[in-house]
Amino acid sequence: MGDCDTKITDENQSIELFMTILVNIGNVLSILYNIPQMWRTHKLKKADDISSHFLWMRLSAGIIWSIYCIYYRMWYVIISWTTTIISTTQILYYKYYPSPLAQMPLVELQEFQQRGESDIEQHEQQEHQQKKEVNKNSHSQSYHDDRHQYQYSYPHEIIQLN
C-alpha cells in the first residue's frame, strides 16, 4: 500500500505543477492581450469606437471575479482580473473623457482640410446617418462618399458599387 500512496502523491504533485504553469501562462497572456488596446487608446486619446455596454460589463465581471478570487485566496487568478479592471478603466476614461487633442485618422483629416472646417459637422452627421443604414438581414452596411458607393458585407468583404 505504501507504493500506491506514493504514486498518488507524485501524480498530485505533477498535476499541481502543471496547473501552476498553466495559470502563469494564462496570466501572462491576459496581461499581453490588454496591451495593444490600451496602447491604441492611449495613443489616440479616445475610445469612441468601443461599445460602452461591452466595457461596463467587462468591468463588472472583473470586479465580481476579483471579489470571488480574494475570498477564495486565488492569488494567481486575481492578477488576471486586476489587469482587466485596470485596462477597462483606462479605456472607459478615454471613452467618456476624450482628449480635445485626440488624434484623427489621417484620411479624415485630409478630407476635412480639403473640404474646409465648416463641413466637419455636416460630414459627422452623414457618417452617423450612414451607420444607421445597416441591413440586419444580410449583415451588410452601405457607405458612400462623394466619389463612390461601397457595401460592406461581414465578415470582411468590401464591394464597390459604382
Protein backbone atom coordinates (compact mmCIF):
# COMPACT_ATOMS: atom_id res chain seq x y z
CA MET A 1 0.00 0.00 0.00
CA GLY A 2 2.91 2.36 0.61
CA ASP A 3 3.76 2.33 -3.12
CA CYS A 4 0.18 3.19 -4.07
CA ASP A 5 0.10 6.18 -1.69
CA THR A 6 3.44 7.40 -3.02
CA LYS A 7 2.23 7.10 -6.61
CA ILE A 8 -0.92 9.14 -5.87
CA THR A 9 1.13 11.83 -4.14
CA ASP A 10 3.55 12.01 -7.09
CA GLU A 11 0.63 12.33 -9.50
CA ASN A 12 -0.91 15.09 -7.38
CA GLN A 13 2.39 16.97 -7.32
CA SER A 14 2.68 16.64 -11.09
CA ILE A 15 -0.86 17.94 -11.55
CA GLU A 16 -0.20 20.83 -9.14
CA LEU A 17 2.96 21.76 -11.03
CA PHE A 18 1.12 21.58 -14.36
CA MET A 19 -1.74 23.75 -13.05
CA THR A 20 0.71 26.32 -11.65
CA ILE A 21 2.47 26.53 -15.01
CA LEU A 22 -0.89 26.77 -16.79
CA VAL A 23 -2.19 29.62 -14.58
CA ASN A 24 1.08 31.53 -15.02
CA ILE A 25 0.86 31.22 -18.81
CA GLY A 26 -2.77 32.39 -18.61
CA ASN A 27 -1.75 35.41 -16.51
CA VAL A 28 0.99 36.41 -18.94
CA LEU A 29 -1.45 36.12 -21.86
CA SER A 30 -4.14 38.12 -20.05
CA ILE A 31 -1.66 40.91 -19.43
CA LEU A 32 -0.37 40.82 -23.01
CA TYR A 33 -3.77 40.80 -24.73
CA ASN A 34 -4.74 44.03 -22.99
CA ILE A 35 -1.62 45.95 -24.02
CA PRO A 36 -2.46 46.60 -27.73
CA GLN A 37 -5.88 48.11 -26.96
CA MET A 38 -4.56 50.13 -24.03
CA TRP A 39 -1.71 51.44 -26.19
CA ARG A 40 -4.05 52.33 -29.06
CA THR A 41 -6.47 54.09 -26.71
CA HIS A 42 -3.67 55.99 -25.00
CA LYS A 43 -2.17 56.98 -28.35
CA LEU A 44 -5.47 58.18 -29.84
CA LYS A 45 -6.71 59.64 -26.52
CA LYS A 46 -10.23 58.42 -27.34
CA ALA A 47 -12.23 55.19 -27.37
CA ASP A 48 -15.45 56.13 -29.13
CA ASP A 49 -15.33 53.04 -31.35
CA ILE A 50 -15.67 50.61 -28.43
CA SER A 51 -19.09 49.68 -27.08
CA SER A 52 -19.95 51.19 -23.70
CA HIS A 53 -22.05 48.13 -22.86
CA PHE A 54 -19.06 45.87 -23.51
CA LEU A 55 -16.78 47.98 -21.32
CA TRP A 56 -19.21 48.25 -18.39
CA MET A 57 -19.99 44.51 -18.48
CA ARG A 58 -16.27 43.72 -18.66
CA LEU A 59 -15.56 45.99 -15.69
CA SER A 60 -18.44 44.49 -13.68
CA ALA A 61 -17.26 40.95 -14.42
CA GLY A 62 -13.74 41.89 -13.42
CA ILE A 63 -14.88 43.28 -10.09
CA ILE A 64 -17.12 40.29 -9.33
CA TRP A 65 -14.40 37.79 -10.23
CA SER A 66 -11.87 39.76 -8.17
CA ILE A 67 -14.10 39.58 -5.09
CA TYR A 68 -14.51 35.83 -5.63
CA CYS A 69 -10.77 35.33 -6.07
CA ILE A 70 -9.93 37.35 -2.98
CA TYR A 71 -12.43 35.42 -0.88
CA TYR A 72 -11.03 32.05 -2.00
CA ARG A 73 -7.45 33.37 -1.98
CA MET A 74 -6.86 32.61 -5.64
CA TRP A 75 -3.92 35.00 -5.92
CA TYR A 76 -2.77 33.81 -9.32
CA VAL A 77 -6.20 34.43 -10.85
CA ILE A 78 -6.59 37.86 -9.22
CA ILE A 79 -3.58 39.06 -11.26
CA SER A 80 -5.51 38.45 -14.47
CA TRP A 81 -8.69 40.18 -13.29
CA THR A 82 -6.77 43.13 -11.85
CA THR A 83 -5.17 43.63 -15.25
CA THR A 84 -8.61 43.51 -16.88
CA ILE A 85 -10.02 46.06 -14.42
CA ILE A 86 -7.09 48.47 -14.92
CA SER A 87 -7.21 48.27 -18.72
CA THR A 88 -11.00 48.61 -18.85
CA THR A 89 -10.90 51.62 -16.52
CA GLN A 90 -8.32 53.30 -18.74
CA ILE A 91 -10.41 52.68 -21.86
CA LEU A 92 -13.60 53.89 -20.13
CA TYR A 93 -11.81 57.08 -19.13
CA TYR A 94 -10.97 57.90 -22.75
CA LYS A 95 -14.45 56.76 -23.82
CA TYR A 96 -16.14 59.40 -21.67
CA TYR A 97 -13.36 62.00 -21.46
CA PRO A 98 -11.62 62.03 -24.84
CA SER A 99 -8.79 64.47 -25.15
CA PRO A 100 -9.55 67.62 -27.17
CA LEU A 101 -6.23 66.85 -28.82
CA ALA A 102 -7.36 63.36 -29.81
CA GLN A 103 -5.76 62.18 -32.98
CA MET A 104 -7.91 61.95 -36.07
CA PRO A 105 -7.22 59.30 -38.71
CA LEU A 106 -5.09 60.79 -41.47
CA VAL A 107 -7.68 60.12 -44.20
CA GLU A 108 -10.40 62.04 -42.32
CA LEU A 109 -8.00 64.85 -41.51
CA GLN A 110 -7.05 65.26 -45.18
CA GLU A 111 -10.70 65.20 -46.25
CA PHE A 112 -11.57 67.88 -43.70
CA GLN A 113 -8.68 70.06 -44.81
CA GLN A 114 -9.84 69.80 -48.41
CA ARG A 115 -13.50 70.49 -47.63
CA GLY A 116 -12.95 73.21 -45.08
CA GLU A 117 -13.80 73.42 -41.40
CA SER A 118 -17.50 74.30 -41.92
CA ASP A 119 -18.18 70.91 -43.49
CA ILE A 120 -16.94 68.91 -40.49
CA GLU A 121 -20.29 68.88 -38.68
CA GLN A 122 -22.13 68.00 -41.87
CA HIS A 123 -19.70 65.15 -42.51
CA GLU A 124 -20.18 63.81 -38.97
CA GLN A 125 -23.96 63.90 -39.42
CA GLN A 126 -23.61 61.99 -42.71
CA GLU A 127 -21.45 59.36 -41.04
CA HIS A 128 -24.00 58.99 -38.25
CA GLN A 129 -26.79 58.55 -40.79
CA GLN A 130 -24.74 56.03 -42.78
CA LYS A 131 -24.18 53.94 -39.66
CA LYS A 132 -27.96 53.66 -39.30
CA GLU A 133 -28.23 52.11 -42.77
CA VAL A 134 -27.34 48.65 -41.53
CA ASN A 135 -29.29 45.89 -43.17
CA LYS A 136 -29.70 43.39 -40.32
CA ASN A 137 -30.96 40.56 -42.53
CA SER A 138 -27.91 40.32 -44.78
CA HIS A 139 -25.36 41.61 -42.25
CA SER A 140 -24.16 44.31 -44.61
CA GLN A 141 -23.75 48.05 -44.41
CA SER A 142 -23.82 50.61 -47.20
CA TYR A 143 -21.48 53.56 -47.29
CA HIS A 144 -20.93 56.24 -49.88
CA ASP A 145 -18.77 59.28 -50.20
CA ASP A 146 -18.60 61.97 -52.87
CA ARG A 147 -16.98 59.66 -55.40
CA HIS A 148 -18.02 56.06 -54.71
CA GLN A 149 -20.58 53.88 -53.05
CA TYR A 150 -19.49 50.82 -51.09
CA GLN A 151 -21.22 47.95 -49.41
CA TYR A 152 -19.54 46.15 -46.54
CA SER A 153 -20.59 42.57 -46.03
CA TYR A 154 -19.48 40.74 -42.96
CA PRO A 155 -17.13 39.22 -42.18
CA HIS A 156 -14.72 41.14 -44.44
CA GLU A 157 -15.98 41.77 -47.95
CA ILE A 158 -15.96 45.25 -49.46
CA ILE A 159 -17.79 45.74 -52.73
CA GLN A 160 -17.56 48.94 -54.75
CA LEU A 161 -20.99 49.54 -56.26
CA ASN A 162 -20.08 52.43 -58.58
